[in-house]
Full PDB file with SEQRES, HELIX, SHEET, SSBOND, CRYST1, ORIGX, SCALE, CONECT and MASTER records, all heavy atoms in Angstrom:
SEQRES   1 A   39  ARG VAL LEU PRO VAL SER GLU ARG TRP HIS PRO LEU LEU          
SEQRES   2 A   39  MET ARG ALA LEU THR SER ILE PRO ALA LEU GLU ALA GLY          
SEQRES   3 A   39  ASP SER VAL TRP TRP HIS TYR ASP VAL ILE HIS SER VAL          
HELIX    1 AA1 PRO A   11  MET A   14  1                                   4    
CRYST1    1.000    1.000    1.000  90.00  90.00  90.00 P 1           1          
ORIGX1      1.000000  0.000000  0.000000        0.00000                         
ORIGX2      0.000000  1.000000  0.000000        0.00000                         
ORIGX3      0.000000  0.000000  1.000000        0.00000                         
SCALE1      1.000000  0.000000  0.000000        0.00000                         
SCALE2      0.000000  1.000000  0.000000        0.00000                         
SCALE3      0.000000  0.000000  1.000000        0.00000                         
ATOM      1  N   ARG A   1       0.846  -1.191  -0.001  1.00  0.00           N  
ATOM      2  CA  ARG A   1       0.003   0.001   0.000  1.00  0.00           C  
ATOM      3  C   ARG A   1       0.887   1.241   0.004  1.00  0.00           C  
ATOM      4  O   ARG A   1       2.107   1.179   0.187  1.00  0.00           O  
ATOM      5  CB  ARG A   1      -0.897   0.025   1.249  1.00  0.00           C  
ATOM      6  CG  ARG A   1      -1.647  -1.264   1.509  1.00  0.00           C  
ATOM      7  CD  ARG A   1      -2.920  -1.368   0.705  1.00  0.00           C  
ATOM      8  NE  ARG A   1      -3.588  -2.644   0.898  1.00  0.00           N  
ATOM      9  CZ  ARG A   1      -4.376  -2.930   1.935  1.00  0.00           C  
ATOM     10  NH1 ARG A   1      -4.588  -2.026   2.890  1.00  0.00           N  
ATOM     11  NH2 ARG A   1      -4.956  -4.123   2.021  1.00  0.00           N  
ATOM     12  N   VAL A   2       0.247   2.394  -0.182  1.00  0.00           N  
ATOM     13  CA  VAL A   2       0.991   3.653  -0.054  1.00  0.00           C  
ATOM     14  C   VAL A   2       1.404   3.878   1.397  1.00  0.00           C  
ATOM     15  O   VAL A   2       0.900   3.216   2.309  1.00  0.00           O  
ATOM     16  CB  VAL A   2       0.132   4.842  -0.544  1.00  0.00           C  
ATOM     17  CG1 VAL A   2      -0.146   4.735  -2.033  1.00  0.00           C  
ATOM     18  CG2 VAL A   2      -1.172   4.960   0.246  1.00  0.00           C  
ATOM     19  N   LEU A   3       2.299   4.820   1.620  1.00  0.00           N  
ATOM     20  CA  LEU A   3       2.753   5.161   2.965  1.00  0.00           C  
ATOM     21  C   LEU A   3       1.856   6.283   3.492  1.00  0.00           C  
ATOM     22  O   LEU A   3       1.914   7.418   2.986  1.00  0.00           O  
ATOM     23  CB  LEU A   3       4.213   5.623   2.906  1.00  0.00           C  
ATOM     24  CG  LEU A   3       4.880   6.027   4.224  1.00  0.00           C  
ATOM     25  CD1 LEU A   3       4.910   4.844   5.179  1.00  0.00           C  
ATOM     26  CD2 LEU A   3       6.301   6.519   3.973  1.00  0.00           C  
ATOM     27  N   PRO A   4       0.985   6.013   4.461  1.00  0.00           N  
ATOM     28  CA  PRO A   4       0.032   7.033   4.899  1.00  0.00           C  
ATOM     29  C   PRO A   4       0.650   8.087   5.797  1.00  0.00           C  
ATOM     30  O   PRO A   4       1.596   7.822   6.548  1.00  0.00           O  
ATOM     31  CB  PRO A   4      -1.011   6.204   5.662  1.00  0.00           C  
ATOM     32  CG  PRO A   4      -0.232   5.039   6.199  1.00  0.00           C  
ATOM     33  CD  PRO A   4       0.819   4.736   5.174  1.00  0.00           C  
ATOM     34  N   VAL A   5       0.105   9.277   5.718  1.00  0.00           N  
ATOM     35  CA  VAL A   5       0.494  10.383   6.584  1.00  0.00           C  
ATOM     36  C   VAL A   5      -0.794  10.862   7.260  1.00  0.00           C  
ATOM     37  O   VAL A   5      -1.810  11.063   6.575  1.00  0.00           O  
ATOM     38  CB  VAL A   5       1.150  11.521   5.780  1.00  0.00           C  
ATOM     39  CG1 VAL A   5       1.522  12.690   6.689  1.00  0.00           C  
ATOM     40  CG2 VAL A   5       2.412  10.991   5.076  1.00  0.00           C  
ATOM     41  N   SER A   6      -0.759  11.039   8.575  1.00  0.00           N  
ATOM     42  CA  SER A   6      -2.007  11.266   9.288  1.00  0.00           C  
ATOM     43  C   SER A   6      -1.862  12.292  10.405  1.00  0.00           C  
ATOM     44  O   SER A   6      -0.756  12.569  10.894  1.00  0.00           O  
ATOM     45  CB  SER A   6      -2.507   9.947   9.895  1.00  0.00           C  
ATOM     46  OG  SER A   6      -1.626   9.490  10.900  1.00  0.00           O  
ATOM     47  N   GLU A   7      -2.995  12.806  10.828  1.00  0.00           N  
ATOM     48  CA  GLU A   7      -3.032  13.750  11.949  1.00  0.00           C  
ATOM     49  C   GLU A   7      -2.542  13.078  13.228  1.00  0.00           C  
ATOM     50  O   GLU A   7      -1.904  13.722  14.068  1.00  0.00           O  
ATOM     51  CB  GLU A   7      -4.462  14.254  12.136  1.00  0.00           C  
ATOM     52  CG  GLU A   7      -4.604  15.397  13.120  1.00  0.00           C  
ATOM     53  CD  GLU A   7      -3.959  16.687  12.645  1.00  0.00           C  
ATOM     54  OE1 GLU A   7      -4.068  16.994  11.445  1.00  0.00           O  
ATOM     55  OE2 GLU A   7      -3.332  17.377  13.486  1.00  0.00           O  
ATOM     56  N   ARG A   8      -2.830  11.811  13.373  1.00  0.00           N  
ATOM     57  CA  ARG A   8      -2.416  11.111  14.601  1.00  0.00           C  
ATOM     58  C   ARG A   8      -0.902  11.080  14.763  1.00  0.00           C  
ATOM     59  O   ARG A   8      -0.370  11.367  15.851  1.00  0.00           O  
ATOM     60  CB  ARG A   8      -2.952   9.674  14.588  1.00  0.00           C  
ATOM     61  CG  ARG A   8      -2.502   8.859  15.798  1.00  0.00           C  
ATOM     62  CD  ARG A   8      -2.958   7.412  15.727  1.00  0.00           C  
ATOM     63  NE  ARG A   8      -2.509   6.665  16.887  1.00  0.00           N  
ATOM     64  CZ  ARG A   8      -2.644   5.355  17.026  1.00  0.00           C  
ATOM     65  NH1 ARG A   8      -3.210   4.639  16.048  1.00  0.00           N  
ATOM     66  NH2 ARG A   8      -2.187   4.744  18.114  1.00  0.00           N  
ATOM     67  N   TRP A   9      -0.182  10.764  13.692  1.00  0.00           N  
ATOM     68  CA  TRP A   9       1.253  10.558  13.785  1.00  0.00           C  
ATOM     69  C   TRP A   9       2.086  11.730  13.243  1.00  0.00           C  
ATOM     70  O   TRP A   9       3.244  11.877  13.615  1.00  0.00           O  
ATOM     71  CB  TRP A   9       1.663   9.295  13.037  1.00  0.00           C  
ATOM     72  CG  TRP A   9       1.051   8.032  13.572  1.00  0.00           C  
ATOM     73  CD1 TRP A   9       0.174   7.215  12.922  1.00  0.00           C  
ATOM     74  CD2 TRP A   9       1.272   7.435  14.855  1.00  0.00           C  
ATOM     75  NE1 TRP A   9      -0.176   6.161  13.713  1.00  0.00           N  
ATOM     76  CE2 TRP A   9       0.489   6.266  14.913  1.00  0.00           C  
ATOM     77  CE3 TRP A   9       2.051   7.792  15.969  1.00  0.00           C  
ATOM     78  CZ2 TRP A   9       0.458   5.435  16.025  1.00  0.00           C  
ATOM     79  CZ3 TRP A   9       2.022   6.971  17.083  1.00  0.00           C  
ATOM     80  CH2 TRP A   9       1.229   5.804  17.103  1.00  0.00           C  
ATOM     81  N   HIS A  10       1.520  12.543  12.388  1.00  0.00           N  
ATOM     82  CA  HIS A  10       2.300  13.583  11.703  1.00  0.00           C  
ATOM     83  C   HIS A  10       1.566  14.933  11.705  1.00  0.00           C  
ATOM     84  O   HIS A  10       1.377  15.545  10.654  1.00  0.00           O  
ATOM     85  CB  HIS A  10       2.576  13.167  10.249  1.00  0.00           C  
ATOM     86  CG  HIS A  10       2.991  11.733  10.067  1.00  0.00           C  
ATOM     87  ND1 HIS A  10       2.099  10.740   9.723  1.00  0.00           N  
ATOM     88  CD2 HIS A  10       4.210  11.139  10.206  1.00  0.00           C  
ATOM     89  CE1 HIS A  10       2.743   9.584   9.635  1.00  0.00           C  
ATOM     90  NE2 HIS A  10       4.015   9.788   9.919  1.00  0.00           N  
ATOM     91  N   PRO A  11       1.132  15.410  12.863  1.00  0.00           N  
ATOM     92  CA  PRO A  11       0.287  16.631  12.880  1.00  0.00           C  
ATOM     93  C   PRO A  11       0.992  17.862  12.302  1.00  0.00           C  
ATOM     94  O   PRO A  11       0.342  18.690  11.649  1.00  0.00           O  
ATOM     95  CB  PRO A  11      -0.037  16.823  14.356  1.00  0.00           C  
ATOM     96  CG  PRO A  11       1.026  16.045  15.100  1.00  0.00           C  
ATOM     97  CD  PRO A  11       1.338  14.886  14.225  1.00  0.00           C  
ATOM     98  N   LEU A  12       2.283  17.987  12.511  1.00  0.00           N  
ATOM     99  CA  LEU A  12       3.025  19.140  11.984  1.00  0.00           C  
ATOM    100  C   LEU A  12       2.964  19.163  10.460  1.00  0.00           C  
ATOM    101  O   LEU A  12       2.777  20.222   9.830  1.00  0.00           O  
ATOM    102  CB  LEU A  12       4.457  19.116  12.478  1.00  0.00           C  
ATOM    103  CG  LEU A  12       5.339  20.314  12.115  1.00  0.00           C  
ATOM    104  CD1 LEU A  12       4.801  21.589  12.740  1.00  0.00           C  
ATOM    105  CD2 LEU A  12       6.786  20.068  12.550  1.00  0.00           C  
ATOM    106  N   LEU A  13       3.124  17.998   9.861  1.00  0.00           N  
ATOM    107  CA  LEU A  13       3.099  17.919   8.391  1.00  0.00           C  
ATOM    108  C   LEU A  13       1.706  18.185   7.846  1.00  0.00           C  
ATOM    109  O   LEU A  13       1.539  18.856   6.825  1.00  0.00           O  
ATOM    110  CB  LEU A  13       3.584  16.552   7.920  1.00  0.00           C  
ATOM    111  CG  LEU A  13       4.990  16.136   8.389  1.00  0.00           C  
ATOM    112  CD1 LEU A  13       5.352  14.777   7.784  1.00  0.00           C  
ATOM    113  CD2 LEU A  13       6.024  17.170   8.002  1.00  0.00           C  
ATOM    114  N   MET A  14       0.700  17.678   8.522  1.00  0.00           N  
ATOM    115  CA  MET A  14      -0.664  17.856   8.044  1.00  0.00           C  
ATOM    116  C   MET A  14      -1.063  19.346   8.025  1.00  0.00           C  
ATOM    117  O   MET A  14      -1.857  19.789   7.191  1.00  0.00           O  
ATOM    118  CB  MET A  14      -1.635  17.066   8.915  1.00  0.00           C  
ATOM    119  CG  MET A  14      -1.451  15.544   8.821  1.00  0.00           C  
ATOM    120  SD  MET A  14      -1.807  14.877   7.195  1.00  0.00           S  
ATOM    121  CE  MET A  14      -3.604  14.988   7.187  1.00  0.00           C  
ATOM    122  N   ARG A  15      -0.480  20.124   8.920  1.00  0.00           N  
ATOM    123  CA  ARG A  15      -0.782  21.568   8.947  1.00  0.00           C  
ATOM    124  C   ARG A  15      -0.275  22.276   7.688  1.00  0.00           C  
ATOM    125  O   ARG A  15      -0.768  23.359   7.351  1.00  0.00           O  
ATOM    126  CB  ARG A  15      -0.149  22.206  10.185  1.00  0.00           C  
ATOM    127  CG  ARG A  15      -0.869  21.941  11.492  1.00  0.00           C  
ATOM    128  CD  ARG A  15      -0.081  22.467  12.662  1.00  0.00           C  
ATOM    129  NE  ARG A  15       0.323  23.847  12.486  1.00  0.00           N  
ATOM    130  CZ  ARG A  15       1.306  24.443  13.189  1.00  0.00           C  
ATOM    131  NH1 ARG A  15       2.009  23.727  14.076  1.00  0.00           N  
ATOM    132  NH2 ARG A  15       1.598  25.700  12.967  1.00  0.00           N  
ATOM    133  N   ALA A  16       0.696  21.657   7.013  1.00  0.00           N  
ATOM    134  CA  ALA A  16       1.311  22.308   5.855  1.00  0.00           C  
ATOM    135  C   ALA A  16       0.589  21.996   4.540  1.00  0.00           C  
ATOM    136  O   ALA A  16       0.951  22.580   3.508  1.00  0.00           O  
ATOM    137  CB  ALA A  16       2.764  21.893   5.748  1.00  0.00           C  
ATOM    138  N   LEU A  17      -0.391  21.108   4.553  1.00  0.00           N  
ATOM    139  CA  LEU A  17      -1.068  20.749   3.296  1.00  0.00           C  
ATOM    140  C   LEU A  17      -1.580  22.003   2.596  1.00  0.00           C  
ATOM    141  O   LEU A  17      -2.265  22.837   3.192  1.00  0.00           O  
ATOM    142  CB  LEU A  17      -2.225  19.793   3.563  1.00  0.00           C  
ATOM    143  CG  LEU A  17      -1.840  18.321   3.724  1.00  0.00           C  
ATOM    144  CD1 LEU A  17      -3.030  17.512   4.242  1.00  0.00           C  
ATOM    145  CD2 LEU A  17      -1.344  17.723   2.393  1.00  0.00           C  
ATOM    146  N   THR A  18      -1.258  22.133   1.310  1.00  0.00           N  
ATOM    147  CA  THR A  18      -1.524  23.349   0.554  1.00  0.00           C  
ATOM    148  C   THR A  18      -2.106  22.982  -0.806  1.00  0.00           C  
ATOM    149  O   THR A  18      -1.539  22.163  -1.535  1.00  0.00           O  
ATOM    150  CB  THR A  18      -0.231  24.152   0.344  1.00  0.00           C  
ATOM    151  OG1 THR A  18       0.319  24.491   1.627  1.00  0.00           O  
ATOM    152  CG2 THR A  18      -0.482  25.418  -0.458  1.00  0.00           C  
ATOM    153  N   SER A  19      -3.201  23.596  -1.164  1.00  0.00           N  
ATOM    154  CA  SER A  19      -3.876  23.303  -2.426  1.00  0.00           C  
ATOM    155  C   SER A  19      -3.109  23.885  -3.609  1.00  0.00           C  
ATOM    156  O   SER A  19      -2.435  24.921  -3.502  1.00  0.00           O  
ATOM    157  CB  SER A  19      -5.281  23.889  -2.406  1.00  0.00           C  
ATOM    158  OG  SER A  19      -5.916  23.711  -3.656  1.00  0.00           O  
ATOM    159  N   ILE A  20      -3.251  23.233  -4.747  1.00  0.00           N  
ATOM    160  CA  ILE A  20      -2.862  23.862  -5.996  1.00  0.00           C  
ATOM    161  C   ILE A  20      -3.733  25.091  -6.222  1.00  0.00           C  
ATOM    162  O   ILE A  20      -4.840  25.189  -5.707  1.00  0.00           O  
ATOM    163  CB  ILE A  20      -2.997  22.898  -7.204  1.00  0.00           C  
ATOM    164  CG1 ILE A  20      -4.413  22.331  -7.309  1.00  0.00           C  
ATOM    165  CG2 ILE A  20      -1.956  21.811  -7.153  1.00  0.00           C  
ATOM    166  CD1 ILE A  20      -4.686  21.527  -8.550  1.00  0.00           C  
ATOM    167  N   PRO A  21      -3.258  26.061  -6.993  1.00  0.00           N  
ATOM    168  CA  PRO A  21      -4.099  27.204  -7.359  1.00  0.00           C  
ATOM    169  C   PRO A  21      -5.130  26.796  -8.408  1.00  0.00           C  
ATOM    170  O   PRO A  21      -5.123  25.661  -8.904  1.00  0.00           O  
ATOM    171  CB  PRO A  21      -3.106  28.204  -7.908  1.00  0.00           C  
ATOM    172  CG  PRO A  21      -2.007  27.348  -8.494  1.00  0.00           C  
ATOM    173  CD  PRO A  21      -1.908  26.152  -7.578  1.00  0.00           C  
ATOM    174  N   ALA A  22      -6.004  27.716  -8.748  1.00  0.00           N  
ATOM    175  CA  ALA A  22      -6.917  27.476  -9.872  1.00  0.00           C  
ATOM    176  C   ALA A  22      -6.107  27.214 -11.135  1.00  0.00           C  
ATOM    177  O   ALA A  22      -5.058  27.834 -11.365  1.00  0.00           O  
ATOM    178  CB  ALA A  22      -7.834  28.683 -10.070  1.00  0.00           C  
ATOM    179  N   LEU A  23      -6.578  26.279 -11.944  1.00  0.00           N  
ATOM    180  CA  LEU A  23      -5.879  25.896 -13.153  1.00  0.00           C  
ATOM    181  C   LEU A  23      -6.802  26.012 -14.369  1.00  0.00           C  
ATOM    182  O   LEU A  23      -8.007  25.952 -14.241  1.00  0.00           O  
ATOM    183  CB  LEU A  23      -5.393  24.447 -13.079  1.00  0.00           C  
ATOM    184  CG  LEU A  23      -4.451  24.044 -11.948  1.00  0.00           C  
ATOM    185  CD1 LEU A  23      -4.193  22.553 -12.025  1.00  0.00           C  
ATOM    186  CD2 LEU A  23      -3.141  24.823 -12.023  1.00  0.00           C  
ATOM    187  N   GLU A  24      -6.177  26.146 -15.528  1.00  0.00           N  
ATOM    188  CA  GLU A  24      -6.901  26.039 -16.779  1.00  0.00           C  
ATOM    189  C   GLU A  24      -6.484  24.744 -17.460  1.00  0.00           C  
ATOM    190  O   GLU A  24      -5.385  24.213 -17.214  1.00  0.00           O  
ATOM    191  CB  GLU A  24      -6.584  27.215 -17.708  1.00  0.00           C  
ATOM    192  CG  GLU A  24      -7.181  28.535 -17.259  1.00  0.00           C  
ATOM    193  CD  GLU A  24      -7.045  29.606 -18.329  1.00  0.00           C  
ATOM    194  OE1 GLU A  24      -6.286  29.406 -19.314  1.00  0.00           O  
ATOM    195  OE2 GLU A  24      -7.689  30.652 -18.176  1.00  0.00           O  
ATOM    196  N   ALA A  25      -7.365  24.212 -18.291  1.00  0.00           N  
ATOM    197  CA  ALA A  25      -7.008  23.055 -19.099  1.00  0.00           C  
ATOM    198  C   ALA A  25      -5.713  23.352 -19.856  1.00  0.00           C  
ATOM    199  O   ALA A  25      -5.546  24.441 -20.407  1.00  0.00           O  
ATOM    200  CB  ALA A  25      -8.134  22.736 -20.072  1.00  0.00           C  
ATOM    201  N   GLY A  26      -4.803  22.403 -19.836  1.00  0.00           N  
ATOM    202  CA  GLY A  26      -3.492  22.588 -20.471  1.00  0.00           C  
ATOM    203  C   GLY A  26      -2.386  22.908 -19.511  1.00  0.00           C  
ATOM    204  O   GLY A  26      -1.208  22.758 -19.848  1.00  0.00           O  
ATOM    205  N   ASP A  27      -2.725  23.380 -18.294  1.00  0.00           N  
ATOM    206  CA  ASP A  27      -1.697  23.548 -17.247  1.00  0.00           C  
ATOM    207  C   ASP A  27      -1.319  22.155 -16.722  1.00  0.00           C  
ATOM    208  O   ASP A  27      -2.115  21.214 -16.768  1.00  0.00           O  
ATOM    209  CB  ASP A  27      -2.243  24.374 -16.077  1.00  0.00           C  
ATOM    210  CG  ASP A  27      -2.549  25.818 -16.460  1.00  0.00           C  
ATOM    211  OD1 ASP A  27      -2.051  26.297 -17.491  1.00  0.00           O  
ATOM    212  OD2 ASP A  27      -3.288  26.492 -15.692  1.00  0.00           O  
ATOM    213  N   SER A  28      -0.115  22.047 -16.191  1.00  0.00           N  
ATOM    214  CA  SER A  28       0.295  20.790 -15.555  1.00  0.00           C  
ATOM    215  C   SER A  28       0.852  21.081 -14.165  1.00  0.00           C  
ATOM    216  O   SER A  28       1.340  22.179 -13.895  1.00  0.00           O  
ATOM    217  CB  SER A  28       1.322  20.031 -16.405  1.00  0.00           C  
ATOM    218  OG  SER A  28       2.507  20.794 -16.576  1.00  0.00           O  
ATOM    219  N   VAL A  29       0.734  20.101 -13.282  1.00  0.00           N  
ATOM    220  CA  VAL A  29       1.258  20.227 -11.922  1.00  0.00           C  
ATOM    221  C   VAL A  29       2.228  19.090 -11.648  1.00  0.00           C  
ATOM    222  O   VAL A  29       2.054  17.967 -12.142  1.00  0.00           O  
ATOM    223  CB  VAL A  29       0.128  20.260 -10.864  1.00  0.00           C  
ATOM    224  CG1 VAL A  29      -0.784  21.442 -11.072  1.00  0.00           C  
ATOM    225  CG2 VAL A  29      -0.685  18.976 -10.870  1.00  0.00           C  
ATOM    226  N   TRP A  30       3.247  19.386 -10.832  1.00  0.00           N  
ATOM    227  CA  TRP A  30       4.348  18.462 -10.609  1.00  0.00           C  
ATOM    228  C   TRP A  30       4.781  18.511  -9.166  1.00  0.00           C  
ATOM    229  O   TRP A  30       4.786  19.580  -8.557  1.00  0.00           O  
ATOM    230  CB  TRP A  30       5.541  18.833 -11.496  1.00  0.00           C  
ATOM    231  CG  TRP A  30       5.196  18.871 -12.954  1.00  0.00           C  
ATOM    232  CD1 TRP A  30       4.642  19.925 -13.647  1.00  0.00           C  
ATOM    233  CD2 TRP A  30       5.345  17.806 -13.895  1.00  0.00           C  
ATOM    234  NE1 TRP A  30       4.447  19.561 -14.958  1.00  0.00           N  
ATOM    235  CE2 TRP A  30       4.871  18.275 -15.136  1.00  0.00           C  
ATOM    236  CE3 TRP A  30       5.852  16.494 -13.809  1.00  0.00           C  
ATOM    237  CZ2 TRP A  30       4.890  17.475 -16.280  1.00  0.00           C  
ATOM    238  CZ3 TRP A  30       5.860  15.707 -14.942  1.00  0.00           C  
ATOM    239  CH2 TRP A  30       5.375  16.208 -16.151  1.00  0.00           C  
ATOM    240  N   TRP A  31       5.160  17.345  -8.588  1.00  0.00           N  
ATOM    241  CA  TRP A  31       5.677  17.323  -7.225  1.00  0.00           C  
ATOM    242  C   TRP A  31       6.750  16.240  -7.107  1.00  0.00           C  
ATOM    243  O   TRP A  31       6.649  15.159  -7.696  1.00  0.00           O  
ATOM    244  CB  TRP A  31       4.554  17.120  -6.202  1.00  0.00           C  
ATOM    245  CG  TRP A  31       3.743  15.854  -6.337  1.00  0.00           C  
ATOM    246  CD1 TRP A  31       3.895  14.709  -5.621  1.00  0.00           C  
ATOM    247  CD2 TRP A  31       2.646  15.600  -7.249  1.00  0.00           C  
ATOM    248  NE1 TRP A  31       2.975  13.764  -6.009  1.00  0.00           N  
ATOM    249  CE2 TRP A  31       2.197  14.292  -6.999  1.00  0.00           C  
ATOM    250  CE3 TRP A  31       2.005  16.362  -8.223  1.00  0.00           C  
ATOM    251  CZ2 TRP A  31       1.132  13.725  -7.702  1.00  0.00           C  
ATOM    252  CZ3 TRP A  31       0.959  15.794  -8.922  1.00  0.00           C  
ATOM    253  CH2 TRP A  31       0.525  14.480  -8.661  1.00  0.00           C  
ATOM    254  N   HIS A  32       7.808  16.575  -6.387  1.00  0.00           N  
ATOM    255  CA  HIS A  32       8.917  15.670  -6.064  1.00  0.00           C  
ATOM    256  C   HIS A  32       8.313  14.367  -5.545  1.00  0.00           C  
ATOM    257  O   HIS A  32       7.377  14.381  -4.758  1.00  0.00           O  
ATOM    258  CB  HIS A  32       9.784  16.343  -5.015  1.00  0.00           C  
ATOM    259  CG  HIS A  32      11.010  15.595  -4.588  1.00  0.00           C  
ATOM    260  ND1 HIS A  32      10.970  14.377  -3.941  1.00  0.00           N  
ATOM    261  CD2 HIS A  32      12.335  15.936  -4.656  1.00  0.00           C  
ATOM    262  CE1 HIS A  32      12.207  13.994  -3.658  1.00  0.00           C  
ATOM    263  NE2 HIS A  32      13.054  14.911  -4.079  1.00  0.00           N  
ATOM    264  N   TYR A  33       8.884  13.245  -5.937  1.00  0.00           N  
ATOM    265  CA  TYR A  33       8.194  11.985  -5.636  1.00  0.00           C  
ATOM    266  C   TYR A  33       8.224  11.597  -4.170  1.00  0.00           C  
ATOM    267  O   TYR A  33       7.522  10.672  -3.755  1.00  0.00           O  
ATOM    268  CB  TYR A  33       8.706  10.856  -6.544  1.00  0.00           C  
ATOM    269  CG  TYR A  33       9.909  10.080  -6.062  1.00  0.00           C  
ATOM    270  CD1 TYR A  33       9.749   8.822  -5.489  1.00  0.00           C  
ATOM    271  CD2 TYR A  33      11.216  10.541  -6.230  1.00  0.00           C  
ATOM    272  CE1 TYR A  33      10.830   8.060  -5.084  1.00  0.00           C  
ATOM    273  CE2 TYR A  33      12.294   9.796  -5.833  1.00  0.00           C  
ATOM    274  CZ  TYR A  33      12.099   8.549  -5.264  1.00  0.00           C  
ATOM    275  OH  TYR A  33      13.189   7.801  -4.857  1.00  0.00           O  
ATOM    276  N   ASP A  34       8.985  12.298  -3.332  1.00  0.00           N  
ATOM    277  CA  ASP A  34       8.897  12.109  -1.893  1.00  0.00           C  
ATOM    278  C   ASP A  34       7.812  12.965  -1.246  1.00  0.00           C  
ATOM    279  O   ASP A  34       7.486  12.769  -0.065  1.00  0.00           O  
ATOM    280  CB  ASP A  34      10.211  12.493  -1.207  1.00  0.00           C  
ATOM    281  CG  ASP A  34      11.297  11.437  -1.339  1.00  0.00           C  
ATOM    282  OD1 ASP A  34      11.010  10.313  -1.811  1.00  0.00           O  
ATOM    283  OD2 ASP A  34      12.458  11.732  -0.973  1.00  0.00           O  
ATOM    284  N   VAL A  35       7.285  13.926  -1.979  1.00  0.00           N  
ATOM    285  CA  VAL A  35       6.392  14.930  -1.374  1.00  0.00           C  
ATOM    286  C   VAL A  35       5.042  14.299  -1.014  1.00  0.00           C  
ATOM    287  O   VAL A  35       4.433  13.575  -1.809  1.00  0.00           O  
ATOM    288  CB  VAL A  35       6.217  16.129  -2.314  1.00  0.00           C  
ATOM    289  CG1 VAL A  35       4.978  16.947  -1.976  1.00  0.00           C  
ATOM    290  CG2 VAL A  35       7.460  17.025  -2.252  1.00  0.00           C  
ATOM    291  N   ILE A  36       4.577  14.610   0.179  1.00  0.00           N  
ATOM    292  CA  ILE A  36       3.275  14.162   0.671  1.00  0.00           C  
ATOM    293  C   ILE A  36       2.194  14.860  -0.143  1.00  0.00           C  
ATOM    294  O   ILE A  36       2.248  16.073  -0.360  1.00  0.00           O  
ATOM    295  CB  ILE A  36       3.122  14.503   2.157  1.00  0.00           C  
ATOM    296  CG1 ILE A  36       4.216  13.823   2.992  1.00  0.00           C  
ATOM    297  CG2 ILE A  36       1.731  14.130   2.669  1.00  0.00           C  
ATOM    298  CD1 ILE A  36       4.491  14.518   4.300  1.00  0.00           C  
ATOM    299  N   HIS A  37       1.181  14.080  -0.564  1.00  0.00           N  
ATOM    300  CA  HIS A  37       0.104  14.679  -1.348  1.00  0.00           C  
ATOM    301  C   HIS A  37      -1.231  14.011  -1.021  1.00  0.00           C  
ATOM    302  O   HIS A  37      -1.288  12.883  -0.511  1.00  0.00           O  
ATOM    303  CB  HIS A  37       0.397  14.610  -2.839  1.00  0.00           C  
ATOM    304  CG  HIS A  37       0.744  13.236  -3.350  1.00  0.00           C  
ATOM    305  ND1 HIS A  37       1.956  12.629  -3.087  1.00  0.00           N  
ATOM    306  CD2 HIS A  37       0.052  12.361  -4.112  1.00  0.00           C  
ATOM    307  CE1 HIS A  37       2.005  11.444  -3.655  1.00  0.00           C  
ATOM    308  NE2 HIS A  37       0.854  11.242  -4.287  1.00  0.00           N  
ATOM    309  N   SER A  38      -2.297  14.733  -1.312  1.00  0.00           N  
ATOM    310  CA  SER A  38      -3.645  14.238  -1.044  1.00  0.00           C  
ATOM    311  C   SER A  38      -4.592  14.923  -2.023  1.00  0.00           C  
ATOM    312  O   SER A  38      -4.205  15.853  -2.742  1.00  0.00           O  
ATOM    313  CB  SER A  38      -4.072  14.564   0.395  1.00  0.00           C  
ATOM    314  OG  SER A  38      -4.200  15.965   0.584  1.00  0.00           O  
ATOM    315  N   VAL A  39      -5.830  14.447  -2.058  1.00  0.00           N  
ATOM    316  CA  VAL A  39      -6.884  15.100  -2.833  1.00  0.00           C  
ATOM    317  C   VAL A  39      -8.007  15.442  -1.863  1.00  0.00           C  
ATOM    318  O   VAL A  39      -8.484  14.576  -1.108  1.00  0.00           O  
ATOM    319  CB  VAL A  39      -7.396  14.196  -3.969  1.00  0.00           C  
ATOM    320  CG1 VAL A  39      -8.535  14.891  -4.732  1.00  0.00           C  
ATOM    321  CG2 VAL A  39      -6.264  13.830  -4.912  1.00  0.00           C  
TER     322      VAL A  39                                                      
MASTER        0    0    0    1    0    0    0    6  321    1    0    3          
END                                                                             
């Protein structure tokens, strides 16, 4: 499975979750493969 990141074990990291900005079709988004991500 994926490596989960949670409020229980990683509260400091969860506070940093930041949304992508508004996008238009044709824009692309990229993140370092170690970077924590969610939807």
